[in-house]
Amino acid sequence: MREITASGQTVEEAKQHALDQLGLTEDQVTVDVIEEGKKGILGVFGAKSAYVKVQEKQDLISDGQTYLKQMIDQMGVANTDVLVHQDDDNITYELVGDDMGQLIGKRGQTLNALQYLTSLVVNQHHGVHYTVVVDAEGYRARRHETLEQLAQNLAKKALRTKEDVFIEPMPSYERKVIHTALHDHSGVSTYSDGQDPNRRVVIRPHS
C-alpha cells in the first residue's frame, strides 16, 4: 500500500501531483490535507504551498484472493486458480483445479477453515463488512441441500421420539440453514446451544 506527500499551489494541484506520481486515479486513494496553502499578496508575497498526503486504498478483496493462493500453495495443491465473484458485500472465492477433494476435506472442514481465515483477512479493518464464501466444485450448494434434508429428517425423529435432537457442531452459516429450513415447521422449533467451535443446533418438538 503506497503513500506519498506532495505539494502544490493549491490542494487540488498538490493532489494531482501525487496522483501523477502514483499512477492512480482519485477513486483509488484517500487524501489527507496537511496544509491548505495560501496565495499571499499579489499571489507571491507570503504565499504558502499546499501539502497533501495521498494513500493508495487497500484492496481487501484482492488481499483475500492472494492469501488464499498462498495458503493453497503451502498445502501443496498445484494448478489451482482462485476466481472472485462479488455481489455487493458478498464475496465468493471459487477454487478451480484438479485436486479439489483435498481442499474441500471431510464434510467441507478444510474448505470451512480456508473460508474462516480468508474472512479474517478481508474484514481485518473496520468499515464495510464482507460476507466471504470459499467454494469448490459447487460444494456449498450441495451441502445446503444436504443440510435442508437433514433438518427435515431430524425433525421427524424429534416428533417420533418426543425428545430434543442435538445435531453435530456446525459453523454459523450452516446452523442458519437448519434454522431457516425448520422456521415454519408446525411441530418443532430450533435453537443453538454451546460455544463455538462446538455450538450446535437443537431441534425441540412442541409439547
Protein backbone atom coordinates (compact mmCIF):
# COMPACT_ATOMS: atom_id res chain seq x y z
CA MET A 1 0.00 0.00 0.00
CA ARG A 2 1.79 3.12 -1.26
CA GLU A 3 1.56 6.67 0.01
CA ILE A 4 3.15 9.96 -0.91
CA THR A 5 3.23 13.55 0.32
CA ALA A 6 3.02 16.15 -2.42
CA SER A 7 2.81 19.92 -2.66
CA GLY A 8 1.29 22.47 -4.99
CA GLN A 9 -0.06 25.99 -5.11
CA THR A 10 -3.50 24.62 -4.21
CA VAL A 11 -4.79 21.44 -2.60
CA GLU A 12 -6.12 20.25 -5.96
CA GLU A 13 -2.78 20.82 -7.63
CA ALA A 14 -0.93 19.02 -4.84
CA LYS A 15 -3.36 16.11 -5.05
CA GLN A 16 -2.91 15.88 -8.81
CA HIS A 17 0.86 15.85 -8.43
CA ALA A 18 0.55 12.90 -6.03
CA LEU A 19 -1.83 11.01 -8.34
CA ASP A 20 0.53 11.50 -11.27
CA GLN A 21 3.45 10.13 -9.29
CA LEU A 22 1.48 7.13 -8.04
CA GLY A 23 -0.16 6.49 -11.39
CA LEU A 24 -3.57 6.21 -9.73
CA THR A 25 -6.99 7.85 -10.04
CA GLU A 26 -8.78 9.72 -7.27
CA ASP A 27 -11.19 6.83 -6.51
CA GLN A 28 -8.19 4.57 -5.78
CA VAL A 29 -6.78 6.72 -2.98
CA THR A 30 -7.56 8.52 0.26
CA VAL A 31 -6.43 12.14 0.61
CA ASP A 32 -5.43 13.90 3.84
CA VAL A 33 -4.88 17.65 3.63
CA ILE A 34 -1.80 18.61 5.65
CA GLU A 35 -1.68 22.30 4.71
CA GLU A 36 -4.36 24.25 2.84
CA GLY A 37 -1.88 26.67 1.29
CA LYS A 38 -2.05 30.44 0.99
CA LYS A 39 -1.99 32.68 -2.07
CA GLY A 40 -0.19 35.61 -0.45
CA ILE A 41 -0.14 39.26 -1.51
CA LEU A 42 -0.30 39.65 -5.28
CA GLY A 43 -0.12 35.88 -5.42
CA VAL A 44 3.58 35.95 -4.45
CA PHE A 45 4.49 37.58 -1.13
CA GLY A 46 3.65 35.42 1.87
CA ALA A 47 2.40 32.60 -0.30
CA LYS A 48 2.43 29.09 1.20
CA SER A 49 2.26 25.83 -0.68
CA ALA A 50 -0.48 23.32 -0.06
CA TYR A 51 0.53 19.85 1.13
CA VAL A 52 -1.43 16.62 0.96
CA LYS A 53 -0.78 13.02 1.92
CA VAL A 54 -2.24 10.62 -0.62
CA GLN A 55 -2.51 6.93 0.26
CA GLU A 56 -3.44 4.07 -2.02
CA LYS A 57 -6.61 2.31 -0.85
CA GLN A 58 -6.11 -1.26 0.28
CA ASP A 59 -7.87 -3.75 -1.99
CA LEU A 60 -9.14 -6.15 0.66
CA ILE A 61 -10.85 -8.41 -1.85
CA SER A 62 -7.63 -8.83 -3.79
CA ASP A 63 -5.80 -9.39 -0.50
CA GLY A 64 -8.18 -12.27 0.23
CA GLN A 65 -7.51 -13.79 -3.17
CA THR A 66 -3.75 -13.53 -2.70
CA TYR A 67 -3.96 -15.01 0.79
CA LEU A 68 -5.98 -17.98 -0.47
CA LYS A 69 -3.47 -18.66 -3.24
CA GLN A 70 -0.62 -18.60 -0.72
CA MET A 71 -2.44 -20.99 1.62
CA ILE A 72 -3.21 -23.42 -1.21
CA ASP A 73 0.41 -23.32 -2.38
CA GLN A 74 1.57 -24.12 1.16
CA MET A 75 -0.79 -27.10 1.19
CA GLY A 76 0.93 -28.41 -1.91
CA VAL A 77 -2.16 -28.33 -4.13
CA ALA A 78 -0.80 -27.31 -7.53
CA ASN A 79 -2.55 -25.79 -10.53
CA THR A 80 -5.36 -24.16 -8.56
CA ASP A 81 -6.96 -20.90 -9.64
CA VAL A 82 -8.93 -18.60 -7.34
CA LEU A 83 -11.77 -16.81 -9.12
CA VAL A 84 -13.54 -13.88 -7.45
CA HIS A 85 -17.27 -13.18 -7.70
CA GLN A 86 -18.67 -10.09 -5.98
CA ASP A 87 -22.30 -9.21 -5.37
CA ASP A 88 -22.40 -6.01 -3.28
CA ASP A 89 -20.95 -7.02 0.10
CA ASN A 90 -20.95 -10.76 -0.68
CA ILE A 91 -17.63 -12.15 -1.91
CA THR A 92 -17.26 -15.69 -3.26
CA TYR A 93 -13.84 -17.14 -3.93
CA GLU A 94 -14.23 -20.09 -6.27
CA LEU A 95 -11.41 -22.64 -6.29
CA VAL A 96 -10.81 -24.30 -9.65
CA GLY A 97 -8.30 -27.09 -10.25
CA ASP A 98 -7.61 -30.81 -10.42
CA ASP A 99 -7.42 -31.79 -6.73
CA MET A 100 -10.42 -30.11 -5.13
CA GLY A 101 -11.13 -33.04 -2.82
CA GLN A 102 -8.08 -32.17 -0.74
CA LEU A 103 -9.21 -28.55 -0.45
CA ILE A 104 -12.79 -29.47 0.44
CA GLY A 105 -11.85 -32.05 3.08
CA LYS A 106 -14.15 -34.28 5.10
CA ARG A 107 -17.59 -32.67 5.31
CA GLY A 108 -16.03 -29.47 3.99
CA GLN A 109 -13.82 -28.96 7.05
CA THR A 110 -10.78 -27.81 5.07
CA LEU A 111 -12.91 -25.52 2.91
CA ASN A 112 -14.53 -24.10 6.05
CA ALA A 113 -11.13 -23.39 7.58
CA LEU A 114 -9.93 -21.63 4.42
CA GLN A 115 -13.16 -19.60 4.39
CA TYR A 116 -12.81 -18.58 8.04
CA LEU A 117 -9.19 -17.47 7.66
CA THR A 118 -9.88 -15.61 4.40
CA SER A 119 -12.80 -13.80 6.02
CA LEU A 120 -10.45 -12.58 8.77
CA VAL A 121 -8.09 -11.18 6.13
CA VAL A 122 -10.82 -9.45 4.14
CA ASN A 123 -12.53 -7.99 7.21
CA GLN A 124 -9.40 -7.03 9.15
CA HIS A 125 -10.24 -3.31 9.03
CA HIS A 126 -13.30 -1.52 10.34
CA GLY A 127 -15.76 -0.28 7.77
CA VAL A 128 -17.69 -2.33 5.26
CA HIS A 129 -18.12 -5.95 6.33
CA TYR A 130 -17.97 -8.56 3.61
CA THR A 131 -19.66 -11.94 3.75
CA VAL A 132 -16.96 -14.29 2.48
CA VAL A 133 -17.64 -17.70 0.90
CA VAL A 134 -14.95 -20.06 -0.33
CA ASP A 135 -16.37 -22.70 -2.68
CA ALA A 136 -15.09 -25.55 -4.87
CA GLU A 137 -16.92 -27.68 -7.42
CA GLY A 138 -20.31 -26.42 -6.25
CA TYR A 139 -19.80 -27.90 -2.78
CA ARG A 140 -21.69 -25.15 -0.99
CA ALA A 141 -24.89 -25.70 -2.99
CA ARG A 142 -24.71 -29.48 -2.47
CA ARG A 143 -24.05 -29.02 1.24
CA HIS A 144 -27.01 -26.64 1.50
CA GLU A 145 -29.33 -29.28 0.03
CA THR A 146 -27.88 -31.94 2.34
CA LEU A 147 -28.45 -29.77 5.41
CA GLU A 148 -32.04 -28.99 4.43
CA GLN A 149 -32.76 -32.71 4.03
CA LEU A 150 -31.00 -33.44 7.33
CA ALA A 151 -33.17 -30.83 9.06
CA GLN A 152 -36.38 -32.43 7.81
CA ASN A 153 -35.27 -35.96 8.72
CA LEU A 154 -34.20 -34.97 12.23
CA ALA A 155 -37.43 -33.01 12.74
CA LYS A 156 -39.32 -36.24 12.05
CA LYS A 157 -37.09 -38.01 14.57
CA ALA A 158 -37.81 -35.38 17.21
CA LEU A 159 -41.56 -35.77 16.66
CA ARG A 160 -41.33 -39.56 16.73
CA THR A 161 -39.24 -39.77 19.90
CA LYS A 162 -40.74 -36.65 21.52
CA GLU A 163 -37.21 -35.71 22.60
CA ASP A 164 -34.75 -32.98 21.70
CA VAL A 165 -32.41 -33.88 18.84
CA PHE A 166 -28.87 -32.49 19.03
CA ILE A 167 -27.12 -32.00 15.69
CA GLU A 168 -23.33 -32.18 15.38
CA PRO A 169 -21.45 -28.86 15.81
CA MET A 170 -21.51 -26.68 12.70
CA PRO A 171 -20.27 -23.25 11.57
CA SER A 172 -22.77 -20.42 11.99
CA TYR A 173 -23.77 -20.24 8.31
CA GLU A 174 -24.60 -23.99 8.31
CA ARG A 175 -26.62 -23.67 11.53
CA LYS A 176 -28.54 -20.89 9.81
CA VAL A 177 -29.56 -23.31 7.03
CA ILE A 178 -31.04 -25.66 9.65
CA HIS A 179 -32.87 -22.84 11.45
CA THR A 180 -34.27 -21.48 8.18
CA ALA A 181 -35.36 -24.92 6.94
CA LEU A 182 -37.44 -25.52 10.08
CA HIS A 183 -38.53 -21.95 10.75
CA ASP A 184 -42.13 -22.54 9.64
CA HIS A 185 -42.36 -26.14 10.83
CA SER A 186 -45.55 -26.63 12.84
CA GLY A 187 -44.22 -29.41 15.05
CA VAL A 188 -40.74 -28.35 16.11
CA SER A 189 -38.62 -25.31 16.96
CA THR A 190 -34.84 -24.85 16.87
CA TYR A 191 -32.21 -23.09 18.90
CA SER A 192 -28.41 -23.07 19.10
CA ASP A 193 -26.57 -24.37 22.14
CA GLY A 194 -22.93 -24.22 23.27
CA GLN A 195 -19.95 -22.10 22.34
CA ASP A 196 -18.02 -22.06 19.05
CA PRO A 197 -16.49 -24.17 17.69
CA ASN A 198 -18.78 -26.68 19.45
CA ARG A 199 -22.01 -24.72 19.04
CA ARG A 200 -24.81 -26.89 17.65
CA VAL A 201 -28.46 -26.75 16.66
CA VAL A 202 -31.07 -28.41 18.85
CA ILE A 203 -34.42 -29.45 17.39
CA ARG A 204 -37.16 -29.45 20.04
CA PRO A 205 -40.59 -31.00 19.47
CA HIS A 206 -43.60 -28.95 20.58
CA SER A 207 -45.26 -30.33 23.65
